[in-house]
Amino acid sequence: MKNPIKSYQYLPAKFHKRHDYCEFVISQIEDLILNEEFIELKTQVFEFPPEFIKKLDTSDKHFLDLLEEEKYDDIVFHLIKNRVLLSLIMETCYFLQESFLCSLKMRMTVCFTLLRKPFLEILMVLMRILNDEDFIDNFNHTENYDPILASPGKKKELLNQSNKWLHNKYNSEDLYDFIYNKDFGDSLFNLTNNAIHLYTDRNPISATEKQNLNFIFSNKENIESQWEYVYEYMPMLVTFMADIVDLLVLKSTSVKEKTFVIRMKARDRLRKKNDVC
């Protein structure tokens, strides 16, 4: 039986290979949730002395509070880190999968809106987990701790540090411009802000023109331009996200490094085959 022909719905043929590449990378991220090889993200096994097990059975305190009380700080760190990481990976998949589905359906306002959380928020937390040694402690103990809040300088620092982990595979200045730079008209910050709001005036670069509402009156030319943006920049940004997530899972589980090298090489092969970034 032949496989059914994939439907790209409204997406022009010239973007199909780049769309396929993005879908493949997102499926690799999803694989971290679904594949039993990465089960340590969901389930961790520890051995405790009998006296602690007895206390655990009889106490009405939360498990993590008991662990902290008994000075099992390393275990608390590991449990929270893996739980946060798993949840962020799941959320990333949900938003990216729906965003690219909306691209196929030519629902570009929704497509761009759904790109905001993974890159402007989740990526910030992932980079803090990777680079800030005190992140988990702040997350666990500091009242009103906002892991998303960061100055432009801090965002650049996190991107530079993360890129170093990846052997400077990317141009950190480009990453900053394409994601966070408010002064760069085609940054995700500006484009997703316009997608969310009908009217914007705080930033002259992305301010709504007179007799207009953001994204509402998009014509064929506008939509073509929006597709051009998605398939010009998103393959690189989705790959960066996958590289960061892979690195964090490698550092947080006992999965062999070879597994992640194979995943990265698979991305690279398809990237070259589909002439992407």
C-alpha atoms as a PDB file:
ATOM      1  CA  MET A   1       0.000   0.000   0.000  1.00  0.00           C
ATOM      2  CA  LYS A   2       1.428   3.374  -0.998  1.00  0.00           C
ATOM      3  CA  ASN A   3       1.901   6.074   1.596  1.00  0.00           C
ATOM      4  CA  PRO A   4      -0.618   8.888   1.189  1.00  0.00           C
ATOM      5  CA  ILE A   5       0.732  12.018  -0.444  1.00  0.00           C
ATOM      6  CA  LYS A   6       1.498  14.632   2.173  1.00  0.00           C
ATOM      7  CA  SER A   7      -0.733  17.668   2.032  1.00  0.00           C
ATOM      8  CA  TYR A   8       0.959  21.050   2.296  1.00  0.00           C
ATOM      9  CA  GLN A   9      -2.436  22.751   2.037  1.00  0.00           C
ATOM     10  CA  TYR A  10      -1.813  26.415   1.073  1.00  0.00           C
ATOM     11  CA  LEU A  11       1.976  26.437   1.445  1.00  0.00           C
ATOM     12  CA  PRO A  12       3.754  27.181  -1.867  1.00  0.00           C
ATOM     13  CA  ALA A  13       5.983  24.405  -3.185  1.00  0.00           C
ATOM     14  CA  LYS A  14       9.166  26.461  -2.847  1.00  0.00           C
ATOM     15  CA  PHE A  15       8.834  26.268   0.961  1.00  0.00           C
ATOM     16  CA  HIS A  16       8.048  22.535   1.239  1.00  0.00           C
ATOM     17  CA  LYS A  17      11.576  21.265   1.867  1.00  0.00           C
ATOM     18  CA  ARG A  18      12.249  23.863   4.524  1.00  0.00           C
ATOM     19  CA  HIS A  19       8.933  23.078   6.164  1.00  0.00           C
ATOM     20  CA  ASP A  20       9.826  19.370   6.139  1.00  0.00           C
ATOM     21  CA  TYR A  21      13.155  20.155   7.770  1.00  0.00           C
ATOM     22  CA  CYS A  22      11.504  22.154  10.566  1.00  0.00           C
ATOM     23  CA  GLU A  23       8.966  19.388  11.164  1.00  0.00           C
ATOM     24  CA  PHE A  24      11.784  16.828  11.376  1.00  0.00           C
ATOM     25  CA  VAL A  25      13.691  18.855  13.967  1.00  0.00           C
ATOM     26  CA  ILE A  26      10.533  19.399  16.019  1.00  0.00           C
ATOM     27  CA  SER A  27       9.851  15.639  15.860  1.00  0.00           C
ATOM     28  CA  GLN A  28      13.350  15.066  17.253  1.00  0.00           C
ATOM     29  CA  ILE A  29      12.530  17.357  20.173  1.00  0.00           C
ATOM     30  CA  GLU A  30       9.271  15.460  20.688  1.00  0.00           C
ATOM     31  CA  ASP A  31      11.219  12.206  20.646  1.00  0.00           C
ATOM     32  CA  LEU A  32      12.836  13.248  23.926  1.00  0.00           C
ATOM     33  CA  ILE A  33       9.379  12.950  25.472  1.00  0.00           C
ATOM     34  CA  LEU A  34       8.078   9.856  23.680  1.00  0.00           C
ATOM     35  CA  ASN A  35      11.148   7.621  23.318  1.00  0.00           C
ATOM     36  CA  GLU A  36      11.859   5.321  26.263  1.00  0.00           C
ATOM     37  CA  GLU A  37      15.572   5.900  25.721  1.00  0.00           C
ATOM     38  CA  PHE A  38      15.076   9.257  27.466  1.00  0.00           C
ATOM     39  CA  ILE A  39      12.902   7.903  30.285  1.00  0.00           C
ATOM     40  CA  GLU A  40      15.200   9.480  32.895  1.00  0.00           C
ATOM     41  CA  LEU A  41      13.584  12.818  32.132  1.00  0.00           C
ATOM     42  CA  LYS A  42      10.343  11.404  33.530  1.00  0.00           C
ATOM     43  CA  THR A  43      11.502   8.854  36.083  1.00  0.00           C
ATOM     44  CA  GLN A  44      14.484   8.913  38.396  1.00  0.00           C
ATOM     45  CA  VAL A  45      15.564   6.142  40.774  1.00  0.00           C
ATOM     46  CA  PHE A  46      17.385   6.780  44.057  1.00  0.00           C
ATOM     47  CA  GLU A  47      18.333   4.607  47.010  1.00  0.00           C
ATOM     48  CA  PHE A  48      17.597   5.859  50.518  1.00  0.00           C
ATOM     49  CA  PRO A  49      18.377   4.387  53.956  1.00  0.00           C
ATOM     50  CA  PRO A  50      15.514   2.615  55.754  1.00  0.00           C
ATOM     51  CA  GLU A  51      15.112   5.388  58.328  1.00  0.00           C
ATOM     52  CA  PHE A  52      14.362   7.919  55.622  1.00  0.00           C
ATOM     53  CA  ILE A  53      11.882   5.576  53.942  1.00  0.00           C
ATOM     54  CA  LYS A  54      10.114   5.199  57.285  1.00  0.00           C
ATOM     55  CA  LYS A  55       9.990   8.963  57.748  1.00  0.00           C
ATOM     56  CA  LEU A  56       8.648   9.313  54.232  1.00  0.00           C
ATOM     57  CA  ASP A  57       5.849   6.827  54.968  1.00  0.00           C
ATOM     58  CA  THR A  58       4.777   8.544  58.172  1.00  0.00           C
ATOM     59  CA  SER A  59       5.286  12.235  57.403  1.00  0.00           C
ATOM     60  CA  ASP A  60       2.683  14.526  55.888  1.00  0.00           C
ATOM     61  CA  LYS A  61       5.384  16.816  54.487  1.00  0.00           C
ATOM     62  CA  HIS A  62       6.010  17.146  50.784  1.00  0.00           C
ATOM     63  CA  PHE A  63       8.629  14.752  49.439  1.00  0.00           C
ATOM     64  CA  LEU A  64      10.914  17.587  48.313  1.00  0.00           C
ATOM     65  CA  ASP A  65      10.644  19.297  51.698  1.00  0.00           C
ATOM     66  CA  LEU A  66      11.703  16.083  53.389  1.00  0.00           C
ATOM     67  CA  LEU A  67      14.626  15.714  51.039  1.00  0.00           C
ATOM     68  CA  GLU A  68      15.781  19.246  51.828  1.00  0.00           C
ATOM     69  CA  GLU A  69      15.299  18.654  55.541  1.00  0.00           C
ATOM     70  CA  GLU A  70      17.562  15.602  55.307  1.00  0.00           C
ATOM     71  CA  LYS A  71      20.129  17.541  53.242  1.00  0.00           C
ATOM     72  CA  TYR A  72      19.626  15.582  50.018  1.00  0.00           C
ATOM     73  CA  ASP A  73      20.333  18.776  48.117  1.00  0.00           C
ATOM     74  CA  ASP A  74      21.824  17.083  45.045  1.00  0.00           C
ATOM     75  CA  ILE A  75      18.756  14.903  44.633  1.00  0.00           C
ATOM     76  CA  VAL A  76      16.414  17.877  45.009  1.00  0.00           C
ATOM     77  CA  PHE A  77      18.438  19.750  42.382  1.00  0.00           C
ATOM     78  CA  HIS A  78      18.292  16.798  39.990  1.00  0.00           C
ATOM     79  CA  LEU A  79      14.564  16.163  40.452  1.00  0.00           C
ATOM     80  CA  ILE A  80      13.542  19.778  39.948  1.00  0.00           C
ATOM     81  CA  LYS A  81      15.891  20.312  37.027  1.00  0.00           C
ATOM     82  CA  ASN A  82      14.623  17.257  35.143  1.00  0.00           C
ATOM     83  CA  ARG A  83      10.997  18.055  35.851  1.00  0.00           C
ATOM     84  CA  VAL A  84      11.373  21.640  34.647  1.00  0.00           C
ATOM     85  CA  LEU A  85      13.301  20.490  31.586  1.00  0.00           C
ATOM     86  CA  LEU A  86      10.700  17.860  30.661  1.00  0.00           C
ATOM     87  CA  SER A  87       7.850  20.350  31.007  1.00  0.00           C
ATOM     88  CA  LEU A  88       9.631  22.966  28.904  1.00  0.00           C
ATOM     89  CA  ILE A  89      10.334  20.431  26.160  1.00  0.00           C
ATOM     90  CA  MET A  90       6.679  19.394  26.100  1.00  0.00           C
ATOM     91  CA  GLU A  91       5.502  23.012  25.932  1.00  0.00           C
ATOM     92  CA  THR A  92       7.982  23.764  23.155  1.00  0.00           C
ATOM     93  CA  CYS A  93       6.622  20.889  21.082  1.00  0.00           C
ATOM     94  CA  TYR A  94       3.014  21.936  21.563  1.00  0.00           C
ATOM     95  CA  PHE A  95       3.626  25.510  20.407  1.00  0.00           C
ATOM     96  CA  LEU A  96       5.999  24.758  17.523  1.00  0.00           C
ATOM     97  CA  GLN A  97       3.886  21.930  16.116  1.00  0.00           C
ATOM     98  CA  GLU A  98       0.771  24.101  16.103  1.00  0.00           C
ATOM     99  CA  SER A  99       2.652  27.078  14.701  1.00  0.00           C
ATOM    100  CA  PHE A 100       3.880  25.194  11.637  1.00  0.00           C
ATOM    101  CA  LEU A 101       0.467  23.611  11.160  1.00  0.00           C
ATOM    102  CA  CYS A 102      -0.985  27.124  11.079  1.00  0.00           C
ATOM    103  CA  SER A 103       1.615  28.062   8.482  1.00  0.00           C
ATOM    104  CA  LEU A 104       0.292  25.289   6.219  1.00  0.00           C
ATOM    105  CA  LYS A 105      -3.234  26.612   6.756  1.00  0.00           C
ATOM    106  CA  MET A 106      -2.117  30.187   5.940  1.00  0.00           C
ATOM    107  CA  ARG A 107      -3.171  31.343   9.415  1.00  0.00           C
ATOM    108  CA  MET A 108      -0.103  33.525   9.767  1.00  0.00           C
ATOM    109  CA  THR A 109      -1.259  35.629  12.720  1.00  0.00           C
ATOM    110  CA  VAL A 110      -1.623  32.472  14.796  1.00  0.00           C
ATOM    111  CA  CYS A 111       1.578  31.019  13.350  1.00  0.00           C
ATOM    112  CA  PHE A 112       3.627  33.986  14.581  1.00  0.00           C
ATOM    113  CA  THR A 113       1.771  34.264  17.890  1.00  0.00           C
ATOM    114  CA  LEU A 114       2.662  30.660  18.718  1.00  0.00           C
ATOM    115  CA  LEU A 115       6.358  31.282  18.043  1.00  0.00           C
ATOM    116  CA  ARG A 116       6.571  33.825  20.859  1.00  0.00           C
ATOM    117  CA  LYS A 117       6.514  31.558  23.911  1.00  0.00           C
ATOM    118  CA  PRO A 118       9.103  28.974  22.739  1.00  0.00           C
ATOM    119  CA  PHE A 119      11.744  31.501  21.699  1.00  0.00           C
ATOM    120  CA  LEU A 120      11.148  34.621  23.786  1.00  0.00           C
ATOM    121  CA  GLU A 121      10.343  32.773  27.024  1.00  0.00           C
ATOM    122  CA  ILE A 122      11.129  29.045  27.070  1.00  0.00           C
ATOM    123  CA  LEU A 123      14.517  29.478  25.391  1.00  0.00           C
ATOM    124  CA  MET A 124      15.478  32.015  28.076  1.00  0.00           C
ATOM    125  CA  VAL A 125      14.774  29.487  30.823  1.00  0.00           C
ATOM    126  CA  LEU A 126      16.609  26.714  28.970  1.00  0.00           C
ATOM    127  CA  MET A 127      19.682  28.915  28.599  1.00  0.00           C
ATOM    128  CA  ARG A 128      19.547  29.826  32.294  1.00  0.00           C
ATOM    129  CA  ILE A 129      19.394  26.147  33.265  1.00  0.00           C
ATOM    130  CA  LEU A 130      22.414  25.541  31.046  1.00  0.00           C
ATOM    131  CA  ASN A 131      24.490  28.517  32.176  1.00  0.00           C
ATOM    132  CA  ASP A 132      23.297  29.890  35.533  1.00  0.00           C
ATOM    133  CA  GLU A 133      24.535  27.670  38.364  1.00  0.00           C
ATOM    134  CA  ASP A 134      22.101  29.260  40.810  1.00  0.00           C
ATOM    135  CA  PHE A 135      19.029  28.944  38.576  1.00  0.00           C
ATOM    136  CA  ILE A 136      17.472  25.920  40.291  1.00  0.00           C
ATOM    137  CA  ASP A 137      18.140  27.372  43.735  1.00  0.00           C
ATOM    138  CA  ASN A 138      16.493  30.653  42.741  1.00  0.00           C
ATOM    139  CA  PHE A 139      13.629  28.829  41.070  1.00  0.00           C
ATOM    140  CA  ASN A 140      13.062  26.716  44.176  1.00  0.00           C
ATOM    141  CA  HIS A 141      13.530  29.311  46.926  1.00  0.00           C
ATOM    142  CA  THR A 142      13.399  32.908  45.681  1.00  0.00           C
ATOM    143  CA  GLU A 143      10.065  34.670  45.923  1.00  0.00           C
ATOM    144  CA  ASN A 144       8.956  36.539  42.778  1.00  0.00           C
ATOM    145  CA  TYR A 145      11.890  35.152  40.801  1.00  0.00           C
ATOM    146  CA  ASP A 146      11.273  35.853  37.115  1.00  0.00           C
ATOM    147  CA  PRO A 147      13.518  33.638  34.938  1.00  0.00           C
ATOM    148  CA  ILE A 148      12.300  35.384  31.788  1.00  0.00           C
ATOM    149  CA  LEU A 149      13.293  38.888  32.827  1.00  0.00           C
ATOM    150  CA  ALA A 150      16.711  39.868  31.478  1.00  0.00           C
ATOM    151  CA  SER A 151      18.428  42.958  30.134  1.00  0.00           C
ATOM    152  CA  PRO A 152      19.632  43.013  26.525  1.00  0.00           C
ATOM    153  CA  GLY A 153      23.158  42.515  27.866  1.00  0.00           C
ATOM    154  CA  LYS A 154      22.111  39.433  29.841  1.00  0.00           C
ATOM    155  CA  LYS A 155      20.340  37.967  26.813  1.00  0.00           C
ATOM    156  CA  LYS A 156      23.470  38.447  24.714  1.00  0.00           C
ATOM    157  CA  GLU A 157      25.567  36.879  27.477  1.00  0.00           C
ATOM    158  CA  LEU A 158      23.309  33.813  27.667  1.00  0.00           C
ATOM    159  CA  LEU A 159      23.360  33.399  23.888  1.00  0.00           C
ATOM    160  CA  ASN A 160      27.159  33.691  23.816  1.00  0.00           C
ATOM    161  CA  GLN A 161      27.589  31.194  26.650  1.00  0.00           C
ATOM    162  CA  SER A 162      25.134  28.756  25.082  1.00  0.00           C
ATOM    163  CA  ASN A 163      26.809  29.081  21.697  1.00  0.00           C
ATOM    164  CA  LYS A 164      30.181  28.264  23.287  1.00  0.00           C
ATOM    165  CA  TRP A 165      28.725  24.969  24.543  1.00  0.00           C
ATOM    166  CA  LEU A 166      27.902  24.277  20.883  1.00  0.00           C
ATOM    167  CA  HIS A 167      31.452  25.121  19.737  1.00  0.00           C
ATOM    168  CA  ASN A 168      30.311  28.494  18.337  1.00  0.00           C
ATOM    169  CA  LYS A 169      28.188  26.810  15.719  1.00  0.00           C
ATOM    170  CA  TYR A 170      26.008  29.923  15.397  1.00  0.00           C
ATOM    171  CA  ASN A 171      26.487  33.650  15.056  1.00  0.00           C
ATOM    172  CA  SER A 172      25.404  34.906  18.488  1.00  0.00           C
ATOM    173  CA  GLU A 173      24.705  38.425  17.206  1.00  0.00           C
ATOM    174  CA  ASP A 174      22.361  37.025  14.567  1.00  0.00           C
ATOM    175  CA  LEU A 175      20.553  34.959  17.186  1.00  0.00           C
ATOM    176  CA  TYR A 176      20.057  38.050  19.326  1.00  0.00           C
ATOM    177  CA  ASP A 177      18.803  40.112  16.387  1.00  0.00           C
ATOM    178  CA  PHE A 178      16.417  37.462  15.063  1.00  0.00           C
ATOM    179  CA  ILE A 179      14.916  36.686  18.483  1.00  0.00           C
ATOM    180  CA  TYR A 180      15.213  39.505  21.028  1.00  0.00           C
ATOM    181  CA  ASN A 181      16.382  42.742  19.410  1.00  0.00           C
ATOM    182  CA  LYS A 182      13.639  45.371  19.691  1.00  0.00           C
ATOM    183  CA  ASP A 183      15.598  47.610  17.321  1.00  0.00           C
ATOM    184  CA  PHE A 184      15.648  45.000  14.555  1.00  0.00           C
ATOM    185  CA  GLY A 185      12.425  45.167  12.585  1.00  0.00           C
ATOM    186  CA  ASP A 186      12.376  41.472  11.714  1.00  0.00           C
ATOM    187  CA  SER A 187      13.039  40.159  15.210  1.00  0.00           C
ATOM    188  CA  LEU A 188      10.611  37.643  16.652  1.00  0.00           C
ATOM    189  CA  PHE A 189      10.033  40.111  19.477  1.00  0.00           C
ATOM    190  CA  ASN A 190       8.616  42.686  17.059  1.00  0.00           C
ATOM    191  CA  LEU A 191       6.813  40.333  14.676  1.00  0.00           C
ATOM    192  CA  THR A 192       5.145  38.272  17.394  1.00  0.00           C
ATOM    193  CA  ASN A 193       4.223  41.440  19.260  1.00  0.00           C
ATOM    194  CA  ASN A 194       2.440  42.660  16.136  1.00  0.00           C
ATOM    195  CA  ALA A 195       0.748  39.275  15.724  1.00  0.00           C
ATOM    196  CA  ILE A 196      -0.611  39.386  19.270  1.00  0.00           C
ATOM    197  CA  HIS A 197      -1.740  43.018  19.257  1.00  0.00           C
ATOM    198  CA  LEU A 198      -3.925  44.766  16.706  1.00  0.00           C
ATOM    199  CA  TYR A 199      -2.203  48.059  17.420  1.00  0.00           C
ATOM    200  CA  THR A 200       1.387  48.757  18.531  1.00  0.00           C
ATOM    201  CA  ASP A 201       3.037  52.140  19.053  1.00  0.00           C
ATOM    202  CA  ARG A 202       5.751  51.782  21.712  1.00  0.00           C
ATOM    203  CA  ASN A 203       8.454  50.883  19.207  1.00  0.00           C
ATOM    204  CA  PRO A 204       8.642  53.096  16.074  1.00  0.00           C
ATOM    205  CA  ILE A 205      10.171  50.207  14.111  1.00  0.00           C
ATOM    206  CA  SER A 206       7.097  48.017  14.567  1.00  0.00           C
ATOM    207  CA  ALA A 207       4.445  50.705  15.051  1.00  0.00           C
ATOM    208  CA  THR A 208       1.104  50.231  13.330  1.00  0.00           C
ATOM    209  CA  GLU A 209       0.624  52.488  10.331  1.00  0.00           C
ATOM    210  CA  LYS A 210      -2.443  54.699   9.957  1.00  0.00           C
ATOM    211  CA  GLN A 211      -5.543  53.048   8.512  1.00  0.00           C
ATOM    212  CA  ASN A 212      -4.131  49.665   9.486  1.00  0.00           C
ATOM    213  CA  LEU A 213      -4.358  46.925  12.113  1.00  0.00           C
ATOM    214  CA  ASN A 214      -1.483  44.491  12.577  1.00  0.00           C
ATOM    215  CA  PHE A 215      -1.756  41.383  10.344  1.00  0.00           C
ATOM    216  CA  ILE A 216      -5.507  41.925   9.845  1.00  0.00           C
ATOM    217  CA  PHE A 217      -5.374  43.280   6.300  1.00  0.00           C
ATOM    218  CA  SER A 218      -2.611  40.964   5.048  1.00  0.00           C
ATOM    219  CA  ASN A 219      -2.889  40.455   1.297  1.00  0.00           C
ATOM    220  CA  LYS A 220      -1.272  37.798  -0.872  1.00  0.00           C
ATOM    221  CA  GLU A 221       1.991  39.734  -1.014  1.00  0.00           C
ATOM    222  CA  ASN A 222       2.060  40.196   2.772  1.00  0.00           C
ATOM    223  CA  ILE A 223       1.427  36.497   3.395  1.00  0.00           C
ATOM    224  CA  GLU A 224       4.136  35.547   0.921  1.00  0.00           C
ATOM    225  CA  SER A 225       6.526  37.812   2.820  1.00  0.00           C
ATOM    226  CA  GLN A 226       5.514  36.212   6.123  1.00  0.00           C
ATOM    227  CA  TRP A 227       6.168  32.748   4.713  1.00  0.00           C
ATOM    228  CA  GLU A 228       9.531  33.968   3.421  1.00  0.00           C
ATOM    229  CA  TYR A 229      10.410  35.039   6.941  1.00  0.00           C
ATOM    230  CA  VAL A 230       9.304  31.788   8.567  1.00  0.00           C
ATOM    231  CA  TYR A 231      11.245  29.553   6.191  1.00  0.00           C
ATOM    232  CA  GLU A 232      14.299  31.804   5.981  1.00  0.00           C
ATOM    233  CA  TYR A 233      14.926  32.151   9.719  1.00  0.00           C
ATOM    234  CA  MET A 234      13.012  29.439  11.569  1.00  0.00           C
ATOM    235  CA  PRO A 235      15.104  26.468  10.351  1.00  0.00           C
ATOM    236  CA  MET A 236      18.140  27.977  12.087  1.00  0.00           C
ATOM    237  CA  LEU A 237      16.243  28.963  15.222  1.00  0.00           C
ATOM    238  CA  VAL A 238      14.492  25.597  15.542  1.00  0.00           C
ATOM    239  CA  THR A 239      17.872  23.866  15.114  1.00  0.00           C
ATOM    240  CA  PHE A 240      19.380  26.069  17.820  1.00  0.00           C
ATOM    241  CA  MET A 241      16.509  25.139  20.123  1.00  0.00           C
ATOM    242  CA  ALA A 242      17.039  21.425  19.392  1.00  0.00           C
ATOM    243  CA  ASP A 243      20.791  21.709  20.015  1.00  0.00           C
ATOM    244  CA  ILE A 244      20.231  23.415  23.376  1.00  0.00           C
ATOM    245  CA  VAL A 245      17.612  20.877  24.453  1.00  0.00           C
ATOM    246  CA  ASP A 246      19.817  17.947  23.409  1.00  0.00           C
ATOM    247  CA  LEU A 247      22.731  19.356  25.370  1.00  0.00           C
ATOM    248  CA  LEU A 248      20.608  19.800  28.489  1.00  0.00           C
ATOM    249  CA  VAL A 249      19.229  16.261  28.271  1.00  0.00           C
ATOM    250  CA  LEU A 250      22.763  14.927  27.784  1.00  0.00           C
ATOM    251  CA  LYS A 251      23.889  16.759  30.932  1.00  0.00           C
ATOM    252  CA  SER A 252      20.804  15.688  32.911  1.00  0.00           C
ATOM    253  CA  THR A 253      20.630  11.959  32.113  1.00  0.00           C
ATOM    254  CA  SER A 254      22.914   8.969  31.600  1.00  0.00           C
ATOM    255  CA  VAL A 255      22.058   8.730  27.891  1.00  0.00           C
ATOM    256  CA  LYS A 256      25.275   8.296  25.928  1.00  0.00           C
ATOM    257  CA  GLU A 257      26.725  11.230  24.041  1.00  0.00           C
ATOM    258  CA  LYS A 258      26.752   9.097  20.887  1.00  0.00           C
ATOM    259  CA  THR A 259      22.939   9.228  20.830  1.00  0.00           C
ATOM    260  CA  PHE A 260      22.962  13.015  20.588  1.00  0.00           C
ATOM    261  CA  VAL A 261      25.746  13.024  18.009  1.00  0.00           C
ATOM    262  CA  ILE A 262      23.569  10.760  15.837  1.00  0.00           C
ATOM    263  CA  ARG A 263      20.608  13.108  16.278  1.00  0.00           C
ATOM    264  CA  MET A 264      22.705  16.135  15.349  1.00  0.00           C
ATOM    265  CA  LYS A 265      24.160  14.394  12.287  1.00  0.00           C
ATOM    266  CA  ALA A 266      20.645  13.471  11.153  1.00  0.00           C
ATOM    267  CA  ARG A 267      19.656  17.139  11.340  1.00  0.00           C
ATOM    268  CA  ASP A 268      22.762  18.115   9.433  1.00  0.00           C
ATOM    269  CA  ARG A 269      22.145  15.561   6.674  1.00  0.00           C
ATOM    270  CA  LEU A 270      18.569  16.716   6.117  1.00  0.00           C
ATOM    271  CA  ARG A 271      19.623  20.350   6.340  1.00  0.00           C
ATOM    272  CA  LYS A 272      22.085  19.824   3.486  1.00  0.00           C
ATOM    273  CA  LYS A 273      19.704  17.643   1.489  1.00  0.00           C
ATOM    274  CA  ASN A 274      16.925  20.217   1.704  1.00  0.00           C
ATOM    275  CA  ASP A 275      19.305  23.149   1.192  1.00  0.00           C
ATOM    276  CA  VAL A 276      18.375  24.737   4.499  1.00  0.00           C
ATOM    277  CA  CYS A 277      20.275  27.497   6.366  1.00  0.00           C
END
